[in-house]
N, C-alpha and C. Protein backbone atom coordinates (compact mmCIF):
# COMPACT_ATOMS: atom_id res chain seq x y z
N MET A 1 133.16 110.46 58.94
CA MET A 1 133.30 111.91 59.15
C MET A 1 134.34 112.43 58.10
N ARG A 2 133.79 113.09 57.07
CA ARG A 2 134.67 113.62 56.01
C ARG A 2 135.07 115.07 56.34
N THR A 3 136.23 115.44 55.91
CA THR A 3 136.64 116.86 56.11
C THR A 3 136.22 117.66 54.79
N ASN A 4 136.28 118.90 54.95
CA ASN A 4 135.84 119.75 53.73
C ASN A 4 136.79 119.39 52.54
N LEU A 5 138.02 119.13 52.90
CA LEU A 5 138.97 118.78 51.75
C LEU A 5 138.56 117.52 51.09
N GLU A 6 138.17 116.49 51.91
CA GLU A 6 137.83 115.23 51.35
C GLU A 6 136.53 115.45 50.38
N ARG A 7 135.60 116.19 50.90
CA ARG A 7 134.46 116.45 50.11
C ARG A 7 134.78 117.22 48.80
N MET A 8 135.66 118.11 48.89
CA MET A 8 136.15 118.91 47.61
C MET A 8 136.63 118.05 46.70
N ILE A 9 137.60 117.08 47.11
CA ILE A 9 138.21 116.13 46.15
C ILE A 9 137.23 115.29 45.49
N LYS A 10 136.32 114.76 46.31
CA LYS A 10 135.28 113.79 45.77
C LYS A 10 134.29 114.48 44.76
N VAL A 11 133.82 115.74 45.19
CA VAL A 11 132.76 116.36 44.32
C VAL A 11 133.39 117.08 43.17
N LYS A 12 134.43 117.80 43.35
CA LYS A 12 135.02 118.63 42.21
C LYS A 12 135.99 117.88 41.40
N GLY A 13 136.36 116.67 41.78
CA GLY A 13 137.38 115.88 40.98
C GLY A 13 138.75 116.49 41.05
N VAL A 14 139.08 117.12 42.12
CA VAL A 14 140.41 117.78 42.19
C VAL A 14 141.47 116.58 42.28
N GLU A 15 142.45 116.72 41.49
CA GLU A 15 143.52 115.68 41.41
C GLU A 15 144.69 115.96 42.29
N SER A 16 144.96 117.23 42.61
CA SER A 16 146.11 117.58 43.43
C SER A 16 145.65 118.69 44.44
N VAL A 17 146.25 118.57 45.58
CA VAL A 17 145.94 119.59 46.67
C VAL A 17 147.22 119.95 47.34
N LYS A 18 147.38 121.33 47.63
CA LYS A 18 148.55 121.80 48.24
C LYS A 18 148.71 121.26 49.73
N LEU A 19 149.91 121.04 50.06
CA LEU A 19 150.18 120.51 51.47
C LEU A 19 149.62 121.38 52.48
N GLU A 20 149.73 122.75 52.21
CA GLU A 20 149.26 123.67 53.20
C GLU A 20 147.74 123.47 53.49
N GLU A 21 147.02 123.19 52.38
CA GLU A 21 145.62 123.00 52.60
C GLU A 21 145.32 121.78 53.37
N ILE A 22 146.00 120.69 53.16
CA ILE A 22 145.83 119.50 53.99
C ILE A 22 146.19 119.72 55.41
N ILE A 23 147.28 120.40 55.71
CA ILE A 23 147.71 120.70 57.08
C ILE A 23 146.66 121.53 57.80
N LYS A 24 146.12 122.51 57.14
CA LYS A 24 145.06 123.35 57.77
C LYS A 24 143.84 122.53 58.30
N GLU A 25 143.52 121.45 57.58
CA GLU A 25 142.41 120.56 57.99
C GLU A 25 142.74 119.62 59.08
N MET A 26 144.05 119.42 59.48
CA MET A 26 144.46 118.45 60.42
C MET A 26 144.23 118.90 61.91
N SER A 27 143.84 117.98 62.69
CA SER A 27 143.84 118.26 64.23
C SER A 27 145.23 118.24 64.68
N LYS A 28 145.40 118.67 65.98
CA LYS A 28 146.78 118.67 66.49
C LYS A 28 147.32 117.38 66.54
N GLU A 29 146.60 116.31 66.82
CA GLU A 29 147.10 114.92 66.92
C GLU A 29 147.48 114.48 65.57
N GLN A 30 146.71 114.77 64.53
CA GLN A 30 146.99 114.36 63.21
C GLN A 30 148.19 115.02 62.66
N LEU A 31 148.40 116.28 62.99
CA LEU A 31 149.54 117.09 62.65
C LEU A 31 150.87 116.54 63.24
N GLU A 32 150.83 116.22 64.49
CA GLU A 32 151.97 115.68 65.22
C GLU A 32 152.36 114.28 64.58
N LYS A 33 151.36 113.44 64.24
CA LYS A 33 151.60 112.14 63.64
C LYS A 33 152.25 112.40 62.23
N PHE A 34 151.70 113.34 61.51
CA PHE A 34 152.15 113.63 60.14
C PHE A 34 153.63 114.11 60.28
N LYS A 35 153.98 114.94 61.25
CA LYS A 35 155.27 115.46 61.34
C LYS A 35 156.29 114.33 61.67
N LYS A 36 155.84 113.40 62.63
CA LYS A 36 156.62 112.36 63.05
C LYS A 36 156.91 111.37 61.83
N GLU A 37 155.90 111.10 61.04
CA GLU A 37 156.04 110.15 59.95
C GLU A 37 156.93 110.78 58.84
N ARG A 38 156.78 112.15 58.60
CA ARG A 38 157.70 112.75 57.63
C ARG A 38 159.15 112.75 58.08
N TYR A 39 159.35 112.97 59.43
CA TYR A 39 160.72 112.97 59.99
C TYR A 39 161.26 111.55 59.82
N GLU A 40 160.60 110.52 60.20
CA GLU A 40 160.99 109.11 60.06
C GLU A 40 161.33 108.71 58.60
N LYS A 41 160.50 109.18 57.68
CA LYS A 41 160.52 108.66 56.32
C LYS A 41 161.54 109.51 55.47
N PHE A 42 161.63 110.73 55.77
CA PHE A 42 162.47 111.62 54.82
C PHE A 42 163.71 112.22 55.57
N ILE A 43 163.52 112.84 56.66
CA ILE A 43 164.54 113.67 57.26
C ILE A 43 165.59 112.75 57.96
N LYS A 44 165.14 111.84 58.70
CA LYS A 44 166.04 110.99 59.43
C LYS A 44 167.07 110.24 58.46
N PRO A 45 166.55 109.55 57.50
CA PRO A 45 167.46 108.82 56.49
C PRO A 45 168.53 109.86 55.88
N LEU A 46 168.07 111.08 55.55
CA LEU A 46 168.97 112.02 54.96
C LEU A 46 170.15 112.38 56.01
N MET A 47 169.69 112.58 57.27
CA MET A 47 170.61 112.91 58.27
C MET A 47 171.57 111.77 58.53
N GLU A 48 171.09 110.64 58.60
CA GLU A 48 171.91 109.42 58.84
C GLU A 48 172.89 109.21 57.63
N GLY A 49 172.37 109.46 56.42
CA GLY A 49 173.25 109.38 55.24
C GLY A 49 174.38 110.45 55.30
N ASN A 50 174.08 111.63 55.87
CA ASN A 50 175.10 112.63 55.95
C ASN A 50 176.09 112.32 57.02
N VAL A 51 175.63 111.79 58.12
CA VAL A 51 176.57 111.28 59.16
C VAL A 51 177.50 110.25 58.58
N GLN A 52 177.01 109.30 57.92
CA GLN A 52 177.78 108.19 57.34
C GLN A 52 178.80 108.80 56.45
N LYS A 53 178.38 109.68 55.46
CA LYS A 53 179.31 110.31 54.54
C LYS A 53 180.47 111.10 55.26
N ILE A 54 180.13 111.81 56.40
CA ILE A 54 181.13 112.44 57.12
C ILE A 54 182.14 111.43 57.74
N LYS A 55 181.62 110.37 58.26
CA LYS A 55 182.54 109.34 58.86
C LYS A 55 183.50 108.80 57.75
N GLU A 56 182.87 108.52 56.65
CA GLU A 56 183.75 107.95 55.50
C GLU A 56 184.78 108.99 55.15
N GLU A 57 184.41 110.29 55.04
CA GLU A 57 185.43 111.29 54.67
C GLU A 57 186.48 111.39 55.76
N ARG A 58 186.09 111.44 56.99
CA ARG A 58 187.06 111.49 58.06
C ARG A 58 188.02 110.29 58.08
N GLN A 59 187.52 109.10 57.83
CA GLN A 59 188.40 108.01 57.65
C GLN A 59 189.38 108.05 56.55
N THR A 60 188.84 108.59 55.35
CA THR A 60 189.68 108.81 54.19
C THR A 60 190.83 109.81 54.54
N LEU A 61 190.46 110.84 55.18
CA LEU A 61 191.46 111.89 55.52
C LEU A 61 192.49 111.36 56.49
N GLN A 62 192.04 110.57 57.48
CA GLN A 62 192.97 109.97 58.37
C GLN A 62 193.95 108.94 57.68
N GLU A 63 193.49 108.18 56.87
CA GLU A 63 194.28 107.27 56.08
C GLU A 63 195.28 108.08 55.25
N ASN A 64 194.79 109.12 54.59
CA ASN A 64 195.71 109.94 53.73
C ASN A 64 196.75 110.54 54.60
N LEU A 65 196.41 111.01 55.79
CA LEU A 65 197.40 111.66 56.77
C LEU A 65 198.42 110.71 57.12
N ILE A 66 197.99 109.44 57.42
CA ILE A 66 199.04 108.45 57.81
C ILE A 66 199.89 108.15 56.72
N GLU A 67 199.50 108.02 55.51
CA GLU A 67 200.21 107.69 54.27
C GLU A 67 201.29 108.88 54.03
N THR A 68 200.91 110.08 54.23
CA THR A 68 201.81 111.16 53.96
C THR A 68 202.96 111.28 55.04
N LYS A 69 202.62 110.76 56.26
CA LYS A 69 203.56 110.69 57.29
C LYS A 69 204.69 109.75 57.07
N ASN A 70 204.27 108.63 56.37
CA ASN A 70 205.21 107.51 56.10
C ASN A 70 206.02 107.82 54.96
């Protein structure tokens, strides 16, 4: 079962498609799976990296504060 988008790519030789066009063709289940995959692959690592950077900065600030007290 091909979507209109898949047919358009195969017949017209389209090399790129806007994300909005792909999302319009998705069922609710496909869209939810897509959102979850994007979160796990892109958003979550960025957020975890930000949290780690904040922890490192906090540690550095605490160390600097202790050094200045001494």
